Amino acid sequence: MEGAVALYGEDGSLQSIADTLSLNPIKVRKLLITAGVYESDTARLVRQTFHSFRETQDYSTAVTSTMSALQLSRPSVTSYLPYEKGVYFPEEAEAANISAGAERQRHYRAVVALRKNPCEENLWKCVVAFRGYKFKTMSGLPFTYTLKKGRGDEFNKELWIDRREDSKSLAWSSVTLAYHNIGKIGEVVDRPKALGDIRGVSYIYGLFYRFGLIDVPEKVKEKMKK
């Protein structure tokens, strides 16, 4: 599942992923559905119909009822349902405690959720998911950030930026201020200052590019991806 999710995150088609993993495309789709990263009108309809029957029926009967309601075969219905058992990691789990594939999956799901529904809540979920990730500023300087926990074992809304031997804090209010200064999600932002005269905006620029909230000029993109 981790391998399928990683390849899917690289814009791989079901067939190309199947070829790489020596699986059939239907199994690949089911793995992606189980991971929660694959969406389609048919998958959504099958899942919603199945769950409506599952409230009062056992698994097998609910599949049969879904088959009848949607005029689909049993293999077709089950291919659009997630596997019953799987391994899931809480968003709060540290990267050191999960596999690289699981971490990529967490990043992918957070970015997809933010792109589908841009809001401060999903932006914060992205921040939580990407702690410890190696970002780059517009000039190509690498940096990471950490989050500290407060009362109730919840993360404080303050990012601690790690640059070489020193650390500096980045307030969540600065991140949200820059977020609301984006004209249109996905638009090209020429430079960090275009997001506002905000403390730490050079780091915010790197975050927003990785989260898919903004795009950057091609010459800048080369430095940020190296």
Protein backbone atom coordinates (compact mmCIF):
# COMPACT_ATOMS: atom_id res chain seq x y z
CA MET A 1 0.00 0.00 0.00
CA GLU A 2 2.84 2.37 0.85
CA GLY A 3 4.46 1.74 -2.52
CA ALA A 4 1.21 2.33 -4.39
CA VAL A 5 0.57 5.59 -2.50
CA ALA A 6 4.10 6.86 -3.15
CA LEU A 7 3.80 6.19 -6.89
CA TYR A 8 0.29 7.66 -7.01
CA GLY A 9 1.64 10.80 -5.38
CA GLU A 10 4.01 11.12 -8.32
CA ASP A 11 1.00 11.33 -10.67
CA GLY A 12 1.28 7.70 -11.69
CA SER A 13 -1.64 6.06 -13.47
CA LEU A 14 -3.21 2.90 -12.08
CA GLN A 15 -1.73 0.90 -14.95
CA SER A 16 1.79 2.28 -14.51
CA ILE A 17 1.65 1.62 -10.76
CA ALA A 18 0.37 -1.90 -11.44
CA ASP A 19 3.23 -2.54 -13.85
CA THR A 20 5.80 -1.26 -11.36
CA LEU A 21 4.45 -3.33 -8.45
CA SER A 22 3.50 -6.39 -10.53
CA LEU A 23 -0.16 -6.09 -9.53
CA ASN A 24 -3.34 -5.67 -11.52
CA PRO A 25 -4.85 -2.14 -11.71
CA ILE A 26 -7.97 -3.16 -9.77
CA LYS A 27 -5.89 -4.26 -6.78
CA VAL A 28 -3.89 -1.04 -7.01
CA ARG A 29 -7.12 0.96 -6.90
CA LYS A 30 -8.33 -0.98 -3.87
CA LEU A 31 -5.02 -0.32 -2.08
CA LEU A 32 -5.30 3.40 -2.83
CA ILE A 33 -8.92 3.43 -1.62
CA THR A 34 -7.82 1.70 1.59
CA ALA A 35 -5.12 4.35 2.06
CA GLY A 36 -7.75 7.04 1.53
CA VAL A 37 -6.02 8.76 -1.38
CA TYR A 38 -8.13 7.61 -4.36
CA GLU A 39 -11.40 9.31 -5.25
CA SER A 40 -13.83 8.96 -8.14
CA ASP A 41 -17.57 9.37 -8.61
CA THR A 42 -18.05 5.60 -8.83
CA ALA A 43 -15.91 4.87 -5.76
CA ARG A 44 -17.81 7.48 -3.78
CA LEU A 45 -21.21 6.16 -4.89
CA VAL A 46 -20.33 2.54 -4.08
CA ARG A 47 -18.92 3.47 -0.69
CA GLN A 48 -21.90 5.64 0.27
CA THR A 49 -24.41 3.02 -0.88
CA PHE A 50 -22.57 0.23 0.94
CA HIS A 51 -22.34 2.20 4.18
CA SER A 52 -26.05 2.99 4.09
CA PHE A 53 -26.83 -0.75 3.95
CA ARG A 54 -24.06 -1.63 6.40
CA GLU A 55 -25.87 0.25 9.17
CA THR A 56 -28.46 -2.54 9.39
CA GLN A 57 -26.81 -5.47 7.54
CA ASP A 58 -23.71 -7.61 7.90
CA TYR A 59 -20.82 -7.10 5.48
CA SER A 60 -21.79 -9.78 2.94
CA THR A 61 -25.46 -8.82 2.87
CA ALA A 62 -24.58 -5.14 2.49
CA VAL A 63 -22.39 -6.02 -0.52
CA THR A 64 -25.29 -7.97 -2.06
CA SER A 65 -27.69 -5.07 -1.46
CA THR A 66 -25.21 -2.66 -3.04
CA MET A 67 -24.90 -4.94 -6.06
CA SER A 68 -28.67 -4.90 -6.52
CA ALA A 69 -29.04 -1.15 -5.98
CA LEU A 70 -26.27 -0.18 -8.40
CA GLN A 71 -26.56 -3.11 -10.83
CA LEU A 72 -22.93 -4.09 -10.33
CA SER A 73 -21.24 -7.46 -9.91
CA ARG A 74 -19.85 -8.54 -6.55
CA PRO A 75 -16.20 -8.15 -7.70
CA SER A 76 -17.00 -4.64 -8.94
CA VAL A 77 -18.54 -3.62 -5.62
CA THR A 78 -15.78 -5.08 -3.46
CA SER A 79 -13.09 -3.56 -5.68
CA TYR A 80 -14.36 -0.10 -4.69
CA LEU A 81 -14.38 -0.86 -0.97
CA PRO A 82 -11.31 -0.62 1.29
CA TYR A 83 -9.67 -3.68 2.73
CA GLU A 84 -11.15 -4.53 6.11
CA LYS A 85 -7.81 -4.46 7.93
CA GLY A 86 -4.87 -2.12 7.57
CA VAL A 87 -2.20 -0.20 9.43
CA TYR A 88 -2.94 3.43 10.22
CA PHE A 89 -0.73 5.98 11.90
CA PRO A 90 -2.02 8.97 13.89
CA GLU A 91 -1.11 12.37 12.50
CA GLU A 92 0.76 13.07 15.74
CA ALA A 93 3.14 10.12 15.27
CA GLU A 94 6.74 11.25 14.91
CA ALA A 95 8.40 10.57 11.55
CA ALA A 96 11.08 8.50 13.28
CA ASN A 97 8.40 6.07 14.44
CA ILE A 98 6.82 5.39 11.04
CA SER A 99 8.11 4.19 7.69
CA ALA A 100 9.14 6.54 4.91
CA GLY A 101 6.19 5.32 2.87
CA ALA A 102 3.75 6.04 5.67
CA GLU A 103 5.24 9.51 6.05
CA ARG A 104 4.82 10.21 2.32
CA GLN A 105 1.25 8.99 2.58
CA ARG A 106 0.60 11.37 5.49
CA HIS A 107 2.04 14.28 3.50
CA TYR A 108 0.02 13.41 0.42
CA ARG A 109 -3.27 13.11 2.27
CA ALA A 110 -2.73 16.41 4.09
CA VAL A 111 -1.96 18.28 0.85
CA VAL A 112 -4.93 16.74 -0.98
CA ALA A 113 -7.27 17.74 1.84
CA LEU A 114 -5.92 21.31 1.80
CA ARG A 115 -6.26 21.63 -1.97
CA LYS A 116 -9.81 20.28 -1.92
CA ASN A 117 -10.87 22.52 0.94
CA PRO A 118 -8.46 25.43 1.51
CA CYS A 119 -9.03 26.67 5.07
CA GLU A 120 -7.04 27.40 8.20
CA GLU A 121 -7.98 24.06 9.77
CA ASN A 122 -6.58 22.04 6.86
CA LEU A 123 -3.57 24.34 6.66
CA TRP A 124 -2.78 23.55 10.29
CA LYS A 125 -3.16 19.82 9.57
CA CYS A 126 -0.56 20.23 6.83
CA VAL A 127 1.76 21.99 9.26
CA VAL A 128 1.39 19.12 11.73
CA ALA A 129 1.93 16.48 9.04
CA PHE A 130 5.09 18.11 7.62
CA ARG A 131 7.02 18.79 10.84
CA GLY A 132 10.60 17.64 10.37
CA TYR A 133 10.30 17.81 6.56
CA LYS A 134 13.19 19.46 4.70
CA PHE A 135 11.86 22.60 2.99
CA LYS A 136 13.81 25.22 1.06
CA THR A 137 13.59 28.98 0.91
CA MET A 138 13.42 30.96 -2.32
CA SER A 139 17.24 31.08 -2.41
CA GLY A 140 17.53 27.33 -1.88
CA LEU A 141 18.51 27.35 1.79
CA PRO A 142 17.19 24.23 3.58
CA PHE A 143 15.20 24.39 6.80
CA THR A 144 12.90 22.27 8.92
CA TYR A 145 10.56 23.07 11.79
CA THR A 146 9.35 21.37 14.93
CA LEU A 147 6.23 21.77 17.05
CA LYS A 148 6.03 21.63 20.82
CA LYS A 149 3.18 20.21 22.83
CA GLY A 150 1.34 22.03 25.58
CA ARG A 151 -1.56 21.20 27.82
CA GLY A 152 -3.74 18.30 26.79
CA ASP A 153 -0.82 16.87 24.77
CA GLU A 154 -1.81 19.10 21.83
CA PHE A 155 0.63 20.93 19.60
CA ASN A 156 1.16 24.61 20.34
CA LYS A 157 0.50 26.79 17.32
CA GLU A 158 4.05 27.99 16.98
CA LEU A 159 6.62 26.66 14.53
CA TRP A 160 10.24 26.42 15.62
CA ILE A 161 12.38 26.91 12.52
CA ASP A 162 15.69 25.02 12.51
CA ARG A 163 18.42 26.67 10.45
CA ARG A 164 21.91 25.28 10.95
CA GLU A 165 22.78 25.83 14.61
CA ASP A 166 20.04 28.25 15.62
CA SER A 167 16.27 28.13 15.92
CA LYS A 168 13.67 30.84 15.72
CA SER A 169 9.95 30.80 16.31
CA LEU A 170 7.33 31.44 13.64
CA ALA A 171 3.93 32.44 14.97
CA TRP A 172 0.83 30.71 13.58
CA SER A 173 -0.77 34.17 13.26
CA SER A 174 1.98 35.09 10.76
CA VAL A 175 1.25 31.95 8.73
CA THR A 176 -2.49 32.66 8.61
CA LEU A 177 -1.89 36.32 7.74
CA ALA A 178 0.20 35.27 4.74
CA TYR A 179 -2.41 32.65 3.83
CA HIS A 180 -5.15 35.27 3.61
CA ASN A 181 -2.90 37.41 1.41
CA ILE A 182 -2.89 34.77 -1.34
CA GLY A 183 -4.92 36.16 -4.22
CA LYS A 184 -5.85 32.80 -5.73
CA ILE A 185 -4.88 29.29 -4.61
CA GLY A 186 -2.17 27.93 -6.89
CA GLU A 187 -1.22 31.25 -8.45
CA VAL A 188 2.42 32.18 -9.08
CA VAL A 189 3.85 34.34 -6.30
CA ASP A 190 7.05 36.00 -7.48
CA ARG A 191 8.69 36.55 -4.10
CA PRO A 192 8.02 36.06 -0.38
CA LYS A 193 7.29 39.74 0.27
CA ALA A 194 4.32 39.46 -2.09
CA LEU A 195 2.63 37.54 0.74
CA GLY A 196 3.07 40.55 3.01
CA ASP A 197 5.67 42.28 5.15
CA ILE A 198 5.55 39.47 7.68
CA ARG A 199 8.22 38.17 10.04
CA GLY A 200 9.47 34.82 8.75
CA VAL A 201 7.71 35.15 5.39
CA SER A 202 10.70 33.59 3.57
CA TYR A 203 9.96 30.35 5.43
CA ILE A 204 6.21 30.64 4.91
CA TYR A 205 6.87 30.98 1.17
CA GLY A 206 8.63 27.60 1.20
CA LEU A 207 5.81 25.98 3.17
CA PHE A 208 3.07 27.31 0.91
CA TYR A 209 4.86 26.14 -2.22
CA ARG A 210 5.21 22.59 -0.88
CA PHE A 211 1.61 22.58 0.34
CA GLY A 212 0.39 23.55 -3.15
CA LEU A 213 -1.12 26.86 -2.02
CA ILE A 214 1.11 28.86 -4.36
CA ASP A 215 3.30 28.29 -7.39
CA VAL A 216 6.68 29.93 -7.93
CA PRO A 217 8.60 31.17 -10.99
CA GLU A 218 10.49 28.48 -12.90
CA LYS A 219 13.94 29.83 -11.97
CA VAL A 220 12.94 29.80 -8.30
CA LYS A 221 11.44 26.33 -8.61
CA GLU A 222 14.83 24.93 -9.63
CA LYS A 223 16.46 26.20 -6.44
CA MET A 224 13.64 25.00 -4.20
CA LYS A 225 13.65 21.47 -5.63
CA LYS A 226 17.41 20.81 -5.65
